PDB file of N, CA and C in Angstrom:
ATOM      1  N   GLN A   1       0.826  -1.200   0.000  1.00  0.00           N
ATOM      2  CA  GLN A   1       0.000   0.000   0.000  1.00  0.00           C
ATOM      3  C   GLN A   1       0.861   1.251   0.000  1.00  0.00           C
ATOM      4  N   VAL A   2       0.311   2.301  -0.588  1.00  0.00           N
ATOM      5  CA  VAL A   2       0.994   3.587  -0.670  1.00  0.00           C
ATOM      6  C   VAL A   2       0.101   4.647  -0.051  1.00  0.00           C
ATOM      7  N   GLN A   3       0.682   5.491   0.763  1.00  0.00           N
ATOM      8  CA  GLN A   3      -0.050   6.613   1.340  1.00  0.00           C
ATOM      9  C   GLN A   3       0.566   7.910   0.814  1.00  0.00           C
ATOM     10  N   LEU A   4      -0.290   8.852   0.504  1.00  0.00           N
ATOM     11  CA  LEU A   4       0.149  10.155  -0.001  1.00  0.00           C
ATOM     12  C   LEU A   4      -0.402  11.238   0.912  1.00  0.00           C
ATOM     13  N   VAL A   5       0.463  12.127   1.338  1.00  0.00           N
ATOM     14  CA  VAL A   5       0.050  13.212   2.221  1.00  0.00           C
ATOM     15  C   VAL A   5       0.481  14.534   1.609  1.00  0.00           C
ATOM     16  N   GLU A   6      -0.513  15.371   1.305  1.00  0.00           N
ATOM     17  CA  GLU A   6      -0.238  16.686   0.726  1.00  0.00           C
ATOM     18  C   GLU A   6      -0.099  17.722   1.830  1.00  0.00           C
ATOM     19  N   SER A   7       0.641  18.768   1.522  1.00  0.00           N
ATOM     20  CA  SER A   7       0.763  19.905   2.424  1.00  0.00           C
ATOM     21  C   SER A   7       1.090  21.141   1.606  1.00  0.00           C
ATOM     22  N   GLY A   8       0.915  22.301   2.234  1.00  0.00           N
ATOM     23  CA  GLY A   8       1.311  23.542   1.585  1.00  0.00           C
ATOM     24  C   GLY A   8       0.175  24.381   1.038  1.00  0.00           C
ATOM     25  N   GLY A   9      -1.041  23.870   1.088  1.00  0.00           N
ATOM     26  CA  GLY A   9      -2.164  24.667   0.611  1.00  0.00           C
ATOM     27  C   GLY A   9      -2.490  25.778   1.585  1.00  0.00           C
ATOM     28  N   GLY A  10      -3.414  26.647   1.171  1.00  0.00           N
ATOM     29  CA  GLY A  10      -3.816  27.732   2.052  1.00  0.00           C
ATOM     30  C   GLY A  10      -4.439  28.869   1.276  1.00  0.00           C
ATOM     31  N   LEU A  11      -4.505  30.003   1.945  1.00  0.00           N
ATOM     32  CA  LEU A  11      -5.090  31.216   1.373  1.00  0.00           C
ATOM     33  C   LEU A  11      -3.980  32.170   0.968  1.00  0.00           C
ATOM     34  N   VAL A  12      -4.063  32.671  -0.239  1.00  0.00           N
ATOM     35  CA  VAL A  12      -3.055  33.593  -0.741  1.00  0.00           C
ATOM     36  C   VAL A  12      -3.741  34.639  -1.611  1.00  0.00           C
ATOM     37  N   GLN A  13      -3.165  35.804  -1.675  1.00  0.00           N
ATOM     38  CA  GLN A  13      -3.710  36.849  -2.538  1.00  0.00           C
ATOM     39  C   GLN A  13      -3.298  36.616  -3.986  1.00  0.00           C
ATOM     40  N   ALA A  14      -4.095  37.120  -4.885  1.00  0.00           N
ATOM     41  CA  ALA A  14      -3.760  37.028  -6.301  1.00  0.00           C
ATOM     42  C   ALA A  14      -2.370  37.619  -6.545  1.00  0.00           C
ATOM     43  N   GLY A  15      -1.605  36.926  -7.376  1.00  0.00           N
ATOM     44  CA  GLY A  15      -0.233  37.329  -7.640  1.00  0.00           C
ATOM     45  C   GLY A  15       0.785  36.672  -6.728  1.00  0.00           C
ATOM     46  N   GLY A  16       0.300  36.029  -5.684  1.00  0.00           N
ATOM     47  CA  GLY A  16       1.197  35.376  -4.737  1.00  0.00           C
ATOM     48  C   GLY A  16       1.612  33.994  -5.187  1.00  0.00           C
ATOM     49  N   SER A  17       2.350  33.323  -4.316  1.00  0.00           N
ATOM     50  CA  SER A  17       2.885  31.991  -4.624  1.00  0.00           C
ATOM     51  C   SER A  17       2.602  31.020  -3.495  1.00  0.00           C
ATOM     52  N   LEU A  18       2.534  29.769  -3.867  1.00  0.00           N
ATOM     53  CA  LEU A  18       2.443  28.672  -2.912  1.00  0.00           C
ATOM     54  C   LEU A  18       3.266  27.508  -3.439  1.00  0.00           C
ATOM     55  N   ARG A  19       3.756  26.710  -2.509  1.00  0.00           N
ATOM     56  CA  ARG A  19       4.462  25.497  -2.889  1.00  0.00           C
ATOM     57  C   ARG A  19       3.781  24.316  -2.208  1.00  0.00           C
ATOM     58  N   LEU A  20       3.230  23.448  -3.009  1.00  0.00           N
ATOM     59  CA  LEU A  20       2.607  22.234  -2.493  1.00  0.00           C
ATOM     60  C   LEU A  20       3.627  21.105  -2.446  1.00  0.00           C
ATOM     61  N   SER A  21       3.491  20.281  -1.436  1.00  0.00           N
ATOM     62  CA  SER A  21       4.331  19.089  -1.313  1.00  0.00           C
ATOM     63  C   SER A  21       3.441  17.870  -1.148  1.00  0.00           C
ATOM     64  N   CYS A  22       3.935  16.743  -1.620  1.00  0.00           N
ATOM     65  CA  CYS A  22       3.218  15.486  -1.447  1.00  0.00           C
ATOM     66  C   CYS A  22       4.252  14.403  -1.175  1.00  0.00           C
ATOM     67  N   ALA A  23       4.163  13.843   0.017  1.00  0.00           N
ATOM     68  CA  ALA A  23       5.092  12.799   0.416  1.00  0.00           C
ATOM     69  C   ALA A  23       4.419  11.442   0.319  1.00  0.00           C
ATOM     70  N   ALA A  24       5.068  10.534  -0.359  1.00  0.00           N
ATOM     71  CA  ALA A  24       4.561   9.176  -0.507  1.00  0.00           C
ATOM     72  C   ALA A  24       5.292   8.246   0.457  1.00  0.00           C
ATOM     73  N   SER A  25       4.551   7.347   1.056  1.00  0.00           N
ATOM     74  CA  SER A  25       5.147   6.357   1.953  1.00  0.00           C
ATOM     75  C   SER A  25       4.531   4.994   1.676  1.00  0.00           C
ATOM     76  N   GLY A  26       5.212   3.966   2.150  1.00  0.00           N
ATOM     77  CA  GLY A  26       4.755   2.607   1.902  1.00  0.00           C
ATOM     78  C   GLY A  26       5.669   1.918   0.915  1.00  0.00           C
ATOM     79  N   THR A  27       5.126   0.933   0.236  1.00  0.00           N
ATOM     80  CA  THR A  27       5.901   0.181  -0.748  1.00  0.00           C
ATOM     81  C   THR A  27       5.770   0.863  -2.103  1.00  0.00           C
ATOM     82  N   ILE A  28       6.843   1.487  -2.526  1.00  0.00           N
ATOM     83  CA  ILE A  28       6.826   2.285  -3.760  1.00  0.00           C
ATOM     84  C   ILE A  28       7.797   1.693  -4.753  1.00  0.00           C
ATOM     85  N   PHE A  29       7.270   1.336  -5.921  1.00  0.00           N
ATOM     86  CA  PHE A  29       8.092   0.770  -6.972  1.00  0.00           C
ATOM     87  C   PHE A  29       8.292   1.787  -8.083  1.00  0.00           C
ATOM     88  N   SER A  30       9.387   1.644  -8.744  1.00  0.00           N
ATOM     89  CA  SER A  30       9.671   2.434  -9.944  1.00  0.00           C
ATOM     90  C   SER A  30       9.667   1.498 -11.149  1.00  0.00           C
ATOM     91  N   PRO A  31       9.355   2.030 -12.327  1.00  0.00           N
ATOM     92  CA  PRO A  31       9.063   3.437 -12.574  1.00  0.00           C
ATOM     93  C   PRO A  31       7.651   3.807 -12.126  1.00  0.00           C
ATOM     94  N   ASN A  32       7.480   5.070 -11.840  1.00  0.00           N
ATOM     95  CA  ASN A  32       6.161   5.561 -11.472  1.00  0.00           C
ATOM     96  C   ASN A  32       6.029   7.013 -11.890  1.00  0.00           C
ATOM     97  N   THR A  33       4.832   7.481 -11.841  1.00  0.00           N
ATOM     98  CA  THR A  33       4.538   8.884 -12.136  1.00  0.00           C
ATOM     99  C   THR A  33       3.817   9.483 -10.946  1.00  0.00           C
ATOM    100  N   MET A  34       4.248  10.637 -10.553  1.00  0.00           N
ATOM    101  CA  MET A  34       3.557  11.393  -9.508  1.00  0.00           C
ATOM    102  C   MET A  34       3.103  12.713 -10.092  1.00  0.00           C
ATOM    103  N   GLY A  35       2.059  13.259  -9.523  1.00  0.00           N
ATOM    104  CA  GLY A  35       1.588  14.521 -10.071  1.00  0.00           C
ATOM    105  C   GLY A  35       0.433  15.087  -9.284  1.00  0.00           C
ATOM    106  N   TRP A  36      -0.183  16.061  -9.907  1.00  0.00           N
ATOM    107  CA  TRP A  36      -1.255  16.823  -9.266  1.00  0.00           C
ATOM    108  C   TRP A  36      -2.439  16.999 -10.217  1.00  0.00           C
ATOM    109  N   TYR A  37      -3.611  16.815  -9.656  1.00  0.00           N
ATOM    110  CA  TYR A  37      -4.853  17.207 -10.285  1.00  0.00           C
ATOM    111  C   TYR A  37      -5.489  18.265  -9.390  1.00  0.00           C
ATOM    112  N   ARG A  38      -6.437  18.978  -9.939  1.00  0.00           N
ATOM    113  CA  ARG A  38      -7.203  19.892  -9.124  1.00  0.00           C
ATOM    114  C   ARG A  38      -8.682  19.802  -9.487  1.00  0.00           C
ATOM    115  N   GLN A  39      -9.513  20.182  -8.539  1.00  0.00           N
ATOM    116  CA  GLN A  39     -10.943  20.081  -8.745  1.00  0.00           C
ATOM    117  C   GLN A  39     -11.675  21.185  -7.998  1.00  0.00           C
ATOM    118  N   VAL A  40     -12.630  21.775  -8.690  1.00  0.00           N
ATOM    119  CA  VAL A  40     -13.529  22.738  -8.062  1.00  0.00           C
ATOM    120  C   VAL A  40     -14.913  22.107  -8.023  1.00  0.00           C
ATOM    121  N   PRO A  41     -15.750  22.520  -7.078  1.00  0.00           N
ATOM    122  CA  PRO A  41     -17.087  21.925  -6.956  1.00  0.00           C
ATOM    123  C   PRO A  41     -17.867  22.031  -8.261  1.00  0.00           C
ATOM    124  N   GLY A  42     -18.470  20.926  -8.650  1.00  0.00           N
ATOM    125  CA  GLY A  42     -19.300  20.917  -9.844  1.00  0.00           C
ATOM    126  C   GLY A  42     -18.544  20.673 -11.132  1.00  0.00           C
ATOM    127  N   LYS A  43     -17.235  20.546 -11.041  1.00  0.00           N
ATOM    128  CA  LYS A  43     -16.429  20.302 -12.237  1.00  0.00           C
ATOM    129  C   LYS A  43     -15.609  19.029 -12.061  1.00  0.00           C
ATOM    130  N   SER A  44     -15.197  18.472 -13.173  1.00  0.00           N
ATOM    131  CA  SER A  44     -14.386  17.265 -13.113  1.00  0.00           C
ATOM    132  C   SER A  44     -12.950  17.613 -12.735  1.00  0.00           C
ATOM    133  N   ARG A  45     -12.273  16.612 -12.235  1.00  0.00           N
ATOM    134  CA  ARG A  45     -10.875  16.802 -11.857  1.00  0.00           C
ATOM    135  C   ARG A  45     -10.038  17.024 -13.109  1.00  0.00           C
ATOM    136  N   GLU A  46      -9.101  17.980 -13.059  1.00  0.00           N
ATOM    137  CA  GLU A  46      -8.267  18.264 -14.223  1.00  0.00           C
ATOM    138  C   GLU A  46      -6.795  18.127 -13.871  1.00  0.00           C
ATOM    139  N   LEU A  47      -6.032  17.652 -14.828  1.00  0.00           N
ATOM    140  CA  LEU A  47      -4.601  17.484 -14.637  1.00  0.00           C
ATOM    141  C   LEU A  47      -3.918  18.840 -14.541  1.00  0.00           C
ATOM    142  N   VAL A  48      -3.076  18.972 -13.538  1.00  0.00           N
ATOM    143  CA  VAL A  48      -2.239  20.168 -13.399  1.00  0.00           C
ATOM    144  C   VAL A  48      -0.854  19.869 -13.975  1.00  0.00           C
ATOM    145  N   ALA A  49      -0.200  18.858 -13.438  1.00  0.00           N
ATOM    146  CA  ALA A  49       1.138  18.497 -13.905  1.00  0.00           C
ATOM    147  C   ALA A  49       1.500  17.122 -13.378  1.00  0.00           C
ATOM    148  N   SER A  50       2.428  16.481 -14.086  1.00  0.00           N
ATOM    149  CA  SER A  50       2.926  15.182 -13.652  1.00  0.00           C
ATOM    150  C   SER A  50       4.410  15.085 -13.950  1.00  0.00           C
ATOM    151  N   ILE A  51       5.061  14.160 -13.251  1.00  0.00           N
ATOM    152  CA  ILE A  51       6.491  13.950 -13.448  1.00  0.00           C
ATOM    153  C   ILE A  51       6.793  12.483 -13.192  1.00  0.00           C
ATOM    154  N   THR A  52       7.563  11.888 -14.090  1.00  0.00           N
ATOM    155  CA  THR A  52       7.922  10.489 -13.936  1.00  0.00           C
ATOM    156  C   THR A  52       9.124  10.352 -13.002  1.00  0.00           C
ATOM    157  N   SER A  53       9.376   9.123 -12.569  1.00  0.00           N
ATOM    158  CA  SER A  53      10.538   8.899 -11.728  1.00  0.00           C
ATOM    159  C   SER A  53      11.833   9.158 -12.498  1.00  0.00           C
ATOM    160  N   GLY A  54      11.736   9.180 -13.827  1.00  0.00           N
ATOM    161  CA  GLY A  54      12.894   9.514 -14.644  1.00  0.00           C
ATOM    162  C   GLY A  54      13.046  10.999 -14.894  1.00  0.00           C
ATOM    163  N   GLY A  55      12.061  11.789 -14.478  1.00  0.00           N
ATOM    164  CA  GLY A  55      12.161  13.232 -14.579  1.00  0.00           C
ATOM    165  C   GLY A  55      11.405  13.869 -15.727  1.00  0.00           C
ATOM    166  N   SER A  56      10.712  13.091 -16.523  1.00  0.00           N
ATOM    167  CA  SER A  56       9.934  13.668 -17.612  1.00  0.00           C
ATOM    168  C   SER A  56       8.665  14.301 -17.055  1.00  0.00           C
ATOM    169  N   THR A  57       8.365  15.493 -17.555  1.00  0.00           N
ATOM    170  CA  THR A  57       7.220  16.237 -17.028  1.00  0.00           C
ATOM    171  C   THR A  57       6.151  16.454 -18.088  1.00  0.00           C
ATOM    172  N   ASN A  58       4.958  16.676 -17.589  1.00  0.00           N
ATOM    173  CA  ASN A  58       3.817  17.012 -18.426  1.00  0.00           C
ATOM    174  C   ASN A  58       2.961  17.984 -17.623  1.00  0.00           C
ATOM    175  N   SER A  59       2.402  18.980 -18.290  1.00  0.00           N
ATOM    176  CA  SER A  59       1.574  19.926 -17.559  1.00  0.00           C
ATOM    177  C   SER A  59       0.523  20.517 -18.483  1.00  0.00           C
ATOM    178  N   ALA A  60      -0.508  21.056 -17.872  1.00  0.00           N
ATOM    179  CA  ALA A  60      -1.565  21.701 -18.630  1.00  0.00           C
ATOM    180  C   ALA A  60      -0.998  22.927 -19.330  1.00  0.00           C
ATOM    181  N   ASP A  61      -1.324  23.076 -20.606  1.00  0.00           N
ATOM    182  CA  ASP A  61      -0.773  24.192 -21.385  1.00  0.00           C
ATOM    183  C   ASP A  61      -1.108  25.535 -20.747  1.00  0.00           C
ATOM    184  N   SER A  62      -2.286  25.634 -20.180  1.00  0.00           N
ATOM    185  CA  SER A  62      -2.731  26.920 -19.626  1.00  0.00           C
ATOM    186  C   SER A  62      -1.944  27.322 -18.378  1.00  0.00           C
ATOM    187  N   LEU A  63      -1.229  26.365 -17.781  1.00  0.00           N
ATOM    188  CA  LEU A  63      -0.510  26.644 -16.543  1.00  0.00           C
ATOM    189  C   LEU A  63       0.996  26.771 -16.744  1.00  0.00           C
ATOM    190  N   LYS A  64       1.457  26.424 -17.923  1.00  0.00           N
ATOM    191  CA  LYS A  64       2.896  26.518 -18.175  1.00  0.00           C
ATOM    192  C   LYS A  64       3.366  27.955 -18.023  1.00  0.00           C
ATOM    193  N   GLY A  65       4.495  28.096 -17.382  1.00  0.00           N
ATOM    194  CA  GLY A  65       5.031  29.419 -17.114  1.00  0.00           C
ATOM    195  C   GLY A  65       4.697  29.929 -15.722  1.00  0.00           C
ATOM    196  N   ARG A  66       3.667  29.358 -15.117  1.00  0.00           N
ATOM    197  CA  ARG A  66       3.315  29.751 -13.743  1.00  0.00           C
ATOM    198  C   ARG A  66       3.506  28.608 -12.749  1.00  0.00           C
ATOM    199  N   PHE A  67       3.237  27.392 -13.172  1.00  0.00           N
ATOM    200  CA  PHE A  67       3.339  26.224 -12.289  1.00  0.00           C
ATOM    201  C   PHE A  67       4.522  25.361 -12.721  1.00  0.00           C
ATOM    202  N   THR A  68       5.271  24.892 -11.744  1.00  0.00           N
ATOM    203  CA  THR A  68       6.422  24.029 -12.019  1.00  0.00           C
ATOM    204  C   THR A  68       6.377  22.824 -11.098  1.00  0.00           C
ATOM    205  N   ILE A  69       6.513  21.654 -11.689  1.00  0.00           N
ATOM    206  CA  ILE A  69       6.522  20.426 -10.904  1.00  0.00           C
ATOM    207  C   ILE A  69       7.939  19.897 -10.797  1.00  0.00           C
ATOM    208  N   SER A  70       8.251  19.324  -9.646  1.00  0.00           N
ATOM    209  CA  SER A  70       9.554  18.706  -9.434  1.00  0.00           C
ATOM    210  C   SER A  70       9.385  17.568  -8.438  1.00  0.00           C
ATOM    211  N   ARG A  71      10.412  16.744  -8.303  1.00  0.00           N
ATOM    212  CA  ARG A  71      10.321  15.655  -7.337  1.00  0.00           C
ATOM    213  C   ARG A  71      11.694  15.314  -6.798  1.00  0.00           C
ATOM    214  N   ASP A  72      11.666  14.733  -5.617  1.00  0.00           N
ATOM    215  CA  ASP A  72      12.874  14.230  -4.975  1.00  0.00           C
ATOM    216  C   ASP A  72      12.660  12.732  -4.795  1.00  0.00           C
ATOM    217  N   ASN A  73      13.273  11.938  -5.634  1.00  0.00           N
ATOM    218  CA  ASN A  73      13.054  10.496  -5.597  1.00  0.00           C
ATOM    219  C   ASN A  73      13.553   9.878  -4.289  1.00  0.00           C
ATOM    220  N   ALA A  74      14.593  10.429  -3.728  1.00  0.00           N
ATOM    221  CA  ALA A  74      15.117   9.891  -2.469  1.00  0.00           C
ATOM    222  C   ALA A  74      14.111  10.053  -1.336  1.00  0.00           C
ATOM    223  N   LYS A  75      13.297  11.110  -1.427  1.00  0.00           N
ATOM    224  CA  LYS A  75      12.295  11.378  -0.394  1.00  0.00           C
ATOM    225  C   LYS A  75      10.895  10.944  -0.833  1.00  0.00           C
ATOM    226  N   ASN A  76      10.777  10.417  -2.037  1.00  0.00           N
ATOM    227  CA  ASN A  76       9.457  10.049  -2.575  1.00  0.00           C
ATOM    228  C   ASN A  76       8.469  11.201  -2.439  1.00  0.00           C
ATOM    229  N   THR A  77       8.923  12.365  -2.789  1.00  0.00           N
ATOM    230  CA  THR A  77       8.131  13.582  -2.628  1.00  0.00           C
ATOM    231  C   THR A  77       8.058  14.339  -3.942  1.00  0.00           C
ATOM    232  N   VAL A  78       6.872  14.836  -4.239  1.00  0.00           N
ATOM    233  CA  VAL A  78       6.675  15.667  -5.413  1.00  0.00           C
ATOM    234  C   VAL A  78       6.241  17.051  -4.952  1.00  0.00           C
ATOM    235  N   TYR A  79       6.669  18.045  -5.689  1.00  0.00           N
ATOM    236  CA  TYR A  79       6.394  19.441  -5.344  1.00  0.00           C
ATOM    237  C   TYR A  79       5.685  20.129  -6.509  1.00  0.00           C
ATOM    238  N   LEU A  80       4.884  21.119  -6.157  1.00  0.00           N
ATOM    239  CA  LEU A  80       4.266  21.965  -7.175  1.00  0.00           C
ATOM    240  C   LEU A  80       4.458  23.410  -6.756  1.00  0.00           C
ATOM    241  N   GLN A  81       5.317  24.085  -7.474  1.00  0.00           N
ATOM    242  CA  GLN A  81       5.539  25.510  -7.232  1.00  0.00           C
ATOM    243  C   GLN A  81       4.546  26.289  -8.076  1.00  0.00           C
ATOM    244  N   MET A  82       3.733  27.086  -7.414  1.00  0.00           N
ATOM    245  CA  MET A  82       2.691  27.850  -8.105  1.00  0.00           C
ATOM    246  C   MET A  82       2.957  29.336  -7.907  1.00  0.00           C
ATOM    247  N   ASN A  83       3.194  30.027  -8.998  1.00  0.00           N
ATOM    248  CA  ASN A  83       3.494  31.452  -8.961  1.00  0.00           C
ATOM    249  C   ASN A  83       2.414  32.250  -9.669  1.00  0.00           C
ATOM    250  N   ASN A  84       2.378  33.534  -9.353  1.00  0.00           N
ATOM    251  CA  ASN A  84       1.403  34.437  -9.976  1.00  0.00           C
ATOM    252  C   ASN A  84       0.002  33.818  -9.940  1.00  0.00           C
ATOM    253  N   LEU A  85      -0.403  33.414  -8.771  1.00  0.00           N
ATOM    254  CA  LEU A  85      -1.679  32.727  -8.635  1.00  0.00           C
ATOM    255  C   LEU A  85      -2.847  33.648  -8.948  1.00  0.00           C
ATOM    256  N   LYS A  86      -3.888  33.049  -9.511  1.00  0.00           N
ATOM    257  CA  LYS A  86      -5.094  33.772  -9.900  1.00  0.00           C
ATOM    258  C   LYS A  86      -6.293  33.177  -9.153  1.00  0.00           C
ATOM    259  N   PRO A  87      -7.338  33.947  -8.989  1.00  0.00           N
ATOM    260  CA  PRO A  87      -8.528  33.411  -8.300  1.00  0.00           C
ATOM    261  C   PRO A  87      -9.041  32.114  -8.936  1.00  0.00           C
ATOM    262  N   GLU A  88      -8.907  31.991 -10.236  1.00  0.00           N
ATOM    263  CA  GLU A  88      -9.386  30.778 -10.908  1.00  0.00           C
ATOM    264  C   GLU A  88      -8.523  29.556 -10.614  1.00  0.00           C
ATOM    265  N   ASP A  89      -7.401  29.740  -9.947  1.00  0.00           N
ATOM    266  CA  ASP A  89      -6.586  28.610  -9.508  1.00  0.00           C
ATOM    267  C   ASP A  89      -7.113  28.002  -8.209  1.00  0.00           C
ATOM    268  N   SER A  90      -8.084  28.643  -7.605  1.00  0.00           N
ATOM    269  CA  SER A  90      -8.657  28.128  -6.365  1.00  0.00           C
ATOM    270  C   SER A  90      -9.300  26.782  -6.628  1.00  0.00           C
ATOM    271  N   ALA A  91      -8.924  25.802  -5.832  1.00  0.00           N
ATOM    272  CA  ALA A  91      -9.411  24.437  -6.027  1.00  0.00           C
ATOM    273  C   ALA A  91      -8.845  23.563  -4.917  1.00  0.00           C
ATOM    274  N   VAL A  92      -9.308  22.338  -4.870  1.00  0.00           N
ATOM    275  CA  VAL A  92      -8.652  21.322  -4.059  1.00  0.00           C
ATOM    276  C   VAL A  92      -7.631  20.639  -4.957  1.00  0.00           C
ATOM    277  N   TYR A  93      -6.413  20.588  -4.498  1.00  0.00           N
ATOM    278  CA  TYR A  93      -5.333  19.983  -5.277  1.00  0.00           C
ATOM    279  C   TYR A  93      -5.031  18.599  -4.711  1.00  0.00           C
ATOM    280  N   TYR A  94      -5.083  17.623  -5.600  1.00  0.00           N
ATOM    281  CA  TYR A  94      -4.880  16.233  -5.218  1.00  0.00           C
ATOM    282  C   TYR A  94      -3.579  15.702  -5.799  1.00  0.00           C
ATOM    283  N   CYS A  95      -2.831  15.043  -4.975  1.00  0.00           N
ATOM    284  CA  CYS A  95      -1.607  14.374  -5.397  1.00  0.00           C
ATOM    285  C   CYS A  95      -1.937  12.924  -5.770  1.00  0.00           C
ATOM    286  N   TYR A  96      -1.209  12.404  -6.747  1.00  0.00           N
ATOM    287  CA  TYR A  96      -1.404  10.999  -7.094  1.00  0.00           C
ATOM    288  C   TYR A  96      -0.066  10.354  -7.423  1.00  0.00           C
ATOM    289  N   LEU A  97      -0.085   9.040  -7.359  1.00  0.00           N
ATOM    290  CA  LEU A  97       1.071   8.237  -7.776  1.00  0.00           C
ATOM    291  C   LEU A  97       0.527   7.043  -8.542  1.00  0.00           C
ATOM    292  N   GLU A  98       1.097   6.792  -9.692  1.00  0.00           N
ATOM    293  CA  GLU A  98       0.639   5.657 -10.476  1.00  0.00           C
ATOM    294  C   GLU A  98       1.803   4.922 -11.117  1.00  0.00           C
ATOM    295  N   ARG A  99       1.553   3.653 -11.362  1.00  0.00           N
ATOM    296  CA  ARG A  99       2.490   2.825 -12.102  1.00  0.00           C
ATOM    297  C   ARG A  99       1.772   2.321 -13.336  1.00  0.00           C
ATOM    298  N   PRO A 100       2.526   2.022 -14.379  1.00  0.00           N
ATOM    299  CA  PRO A 100       1.898   1.555 -15.619  1.00  0.00           C
ATOM    300  C   PRO A 100       0.965   0.372 -15.379  1.00  0.00           C
ATOM    301  N   GLY A 101      -0.247   0.508 -15.856  1.00  0.00           N
ATOM    302  CA  GLY A 101      -1.207  -0.580 -15.770  1.00  0.00           C
ATOM    303  C   GLY A 101      -1.831  -0.790 -14.410  1.00  0.00           C
ATOM    304  N   ARG A 102      -1.549   0.089 -13.474  1.00  0.00           N
ATOM    305  CA  ARG A 102      -2.084  -0.071 -12.119  1.00  0.00           C
ATOM    306  C   ARG A 102      -3.022   1.085 -11.769  1.00  0.00           C
ATOM    307  N   ILE A 103      -3.914   0.823 -10.838  1.00  0.00           N
ATOM    308  CA  ILE A 103      -4.802   1.880 -10.351  1.00  0.00           C
ATOM    309  C   ILE A 103      -3.982   2.892  -9.560  1.00  0.00           C
ATOM    310  N   PRO A 104      -4.177   4.177  -9.795  1.00  0.00           N
ATOM    311  CA  PRO A 104      -3.386   5.169  -9.069  1.00  0.00           C
ATOM    312  C   PRO A 104      -3.788   5.308  -7.604  1.00  0.00           C
ATOM    313  N   TYR A 105      -2.841   5.740  -6.804  1.00  0.00           N
ATOM    314  CA  TYR A 105      -3.099   6.113  -5.421  1.00  0.00           C
ATOM    315  C   TYR A 105      -3.339   7.620  -5.373  1.00  0.00           C
ATOM    316  N   TRP A 106      -4.202   8.023  -4.452  1.00  0.00           N
ATOM    317  CA  TRP A 106      -4.545   9.439  -4.323  1.00  0.00           C
ATOM    318  C   TRP A 106      -4.360   9.918  -2.894  1.00  0.00           C
ATOM    319  N   GLY A 107      -3.963  11.186  -2.779  1.00  0.00           N
ATOM    320  CA  GLY A 107      -3.978  11.834  -1.486  1.00  0.00           C
ATOM    321  C   GLY A 107      -5.364  12.375  -1.192  1.00  0.00           C
ATOM    322  N   ARG A 108      -5.522  12.948  -0.006  1.00  0.00           N
ATOM    323  CA  ARG A 108      -6.831  13.462   0.401  1.00  0.00           C
ATOM    324  C   ARG A 108      -7.102  14.851  -0.128  1.00  0.00           C
ATOM    325  N   GLY A 109      -6.081  15.513  -0.619  1.00  0.00           N
ATOM    326  CA  GLY A 109      -6.272  16.833  -1.185  1.00  0.00           C
ATOM    327  C   GLY A 109      -5.904  17.947  -0.226  1.00  0.00           C
ATOM    328  N   THR A 110      -5.520  19.066  -0.800  1.00  0.00           N
ATOM    329  CA  THR A 110      -5.221  20.263  -0.020  1.00  0.00           C
ATOM    330  C   THR A 110      -5.878  21.453  -0.707  1.00  0.00           C
ATOM    331  N   GLN A 111      -6.530  22.284   0.079  1.00  0.00           N
ATOM    332  CA  GLN A 111      -7.283  23.412  -0.468  1.00  0.00           C
ATOM    333  C   GLN A 111      -6.349  24.581  -0.771  1.00  0.00           C
ATOM    334  N   VAL A 112      -6.511  25.122  -1.951  1.00  0.00           N
ATOM    335  CA  VAL A 112      -5.828  26.356  -2.343  1.00  0.00           C
ATOM    336  C   VAL A 112      -6.901  27.392  -2.652  1.00  0.00           C
ATOM    337  N   THR A 113      -6.823  28.516  -1.974  1.00  0.00           N
ATOM    338  CA  THR A 113      -7.776  29.598  -2.196  1.00  0.00           C
ATOM    339  C   THR A 113      -7.004  30.866  -2.521  1.00  0.00           C
ATOM    340  N   VAL A 114      -7.336  31.459  -3.660  1.00  0.00           N
ATOM    341  CA  VAL A 114      -6.668  32.675  -4.107  1.00  0.00           C
ATOM    342  C   VAL A 114      -7.695  33.802  -4.080  1.00  0.00           C
ATOM    343  N   SER A 115      -7.424  34.797  -3.280  1.00  0.00           N
ATOM    344  CA  SER A 115      -8.344  35.922  -3.164  1.00  0.00           C
ATOM    345  C   SER A 115      -7.968  37.025  -4.144  1.00  0.00           C
ATOM    346  N   SER A 116      -8.984  37.720  -4.617  1.00  0.00           N
ATOM    347  CA  SER A 116      -8.734  38.787  -5.603  1.00  0.00           C
ATOM    348  C   SER A 116      -8.466  40.121  -4.922  1.00  0.00           C
TER     349      SER A 116
END
């Protein structure tokens, strides 16, 4: 089993920054992909960014230039640096970890609220 714990969410003013962290624990095999989705009430979950254990990244085109994903494989931790935040970035951000052909593991989510 794998457990994921997110941290770093909170309330920030528009234009500010936040750094989310997600630490994975348990039995973790490589290769794997870790990343972030976000969800607002009434909408489906959307991909923010992902990064493989080899370092390849993928992110939503609309967020490139403001959001950066990184990971520390030794700590089994993935980070999401969010800059120049906008009110529309307000959402619950969920961390996940997946391996090819397997059901992904999910964290419980961390709330990000950006005030205008």
